[in-house]
Amino acid sequence: MIDELFALTQQDNRKFSALPKNTVVAMAYVPFQLDDKLYTNEQGFVSGTMFPVLNKPFKEYGDKK
């Protein structure tokens, strides 16, 4: 599916929005992921995702006691 969406964005220089055309106020939307970069299987397993753009590691905050 990712390959198909990426191919659509490349055809005829068309630009597709990452969000649906008719969005509604106060509704949650997840934007389409149009990036075609993937981690290797090993890196994806370690990171918990195959997509580098979704790799958002949590950092520890606050006092460590």
Protein backbone atom coordinates (compact mmCIF):
# COMPACT_ATOMS: atom_id res chain seq x y z
CA MET A 1 0.00 0.00 0.00
CA ILE A 2 2.83 2.41 0.80
CA ASP A 3 4.33 1.87 -2.64
CA GLU A 4 0.96 2.54 -4.29
CA LEU A 5 0.39 5.77 -2.37
CA PHE A 6 3.92 6.95 -3.08
CA ALA A 7 3.47 6.11 -6.79
CA LEU A 8 0.26 8.16 -6.85
CA THR A 9 2.10 11.19 -5.50
CA GLN A 10 4.72 10.88 -8.23
CA GLN A 11 2.32 10.59 -11.19
CA ASP A 12 1.84 13.71 -13.29
CA ASN A 13 3.30 15.85 -10.49
CA ARG A 14 -0.01 15.56 -8.62
CA LYS A 15 0.00 16.69 -5.02
CA PHE A 16 -2.06 14.73 -2.54
CA SER A 17 -2.99 16.08 0.85
CA ALA A 18 -1.96 14.05 3.86
CA LEU A 19 -5.45 14.57 5.31
CA PRO A 20 -8.91 13.76 3.91
CA LYS A 21 -10.51 16.40 1.70
CA ASN A 22 -13.57 16.99 3.91
CA THR A 23 -12.17 17.10 7.43
CA VAL A 24 -14.55 17.86 10.29
CA VAL A 25 -13.80 20.01 13.34
CA ALA A 26 -13.06 18.06 16.55
CA MET A 27 -12.38 14.78 14.74
CA ALA A 28 -9.01 13.07 15.03
CA TYR A 29 -7.21 12.25 11.79
CA VAL A 30 -4.05 10.34 11.10
CA PRO A 31 -2.27 11.79 8.06
CA PHE A 32 -1.38 9.47 5.21
CA GLN A 33 2.22 8.40 5.41
CA LEU A 34 3.78 9.17 2.05
CA ASP A 35 7.43 8.60 2.91
CA ASP A 36 8.95 5.58 1.19
CA LYS A 37 12.04 5.23 3.38
CA LEU A 38 12.21 2.05 5.47
CA TYR A 39 14.58 0.69 8.08
CA THR A 40 16.28 -2.64 7.60
CA ASN A 41 14.49 -5.52 9.34
CA GLU A 42 17.02 -5.46 12.18
CA GLN A 43 16.78 -1.69 12.74
CA GLY A 44 12.99 -1.82 12.52
CA PHE A 45 12.87 -4.52 15.18
CA VAL A 46 15.12 -2.53 17.52
CA SER A 47 13.25 0.74 16.89
CA GLY A 48 9.76 -0.76 17.07
CA THR A 49 8.86 0.69 13.66
CA MET A 50 9.95 0.21 10.06
CA PHE A 51 9.47 3.90 9.31
CA PRO A 52 12.19 6.38 10.33
CA VAL A 53 9.67 9.25 10.41
CA LEU A 54 7.71 7.42 13.13
CA ASN A 55 10.77 6.73 15.28
CA LYS A 56 10.19 9.14 18.15
CA PRO A 57 12.02 7.67 21.15
CA PHE A 58 10.79 8.83 24.52
CA LYS A 59 13.30 10.56 26.75
CA GLU A 60 13.34 10.41 30.50
CA TYR A 61 12.51 13.60 32.36
CA GLY A 62 12.40 14.60 35.98
CA ASP A 63 14.53 13.71 38.97
CA LYS A 64 16.01 10.27 39.21
CA LYS A 65 16.10 9.21 42.83
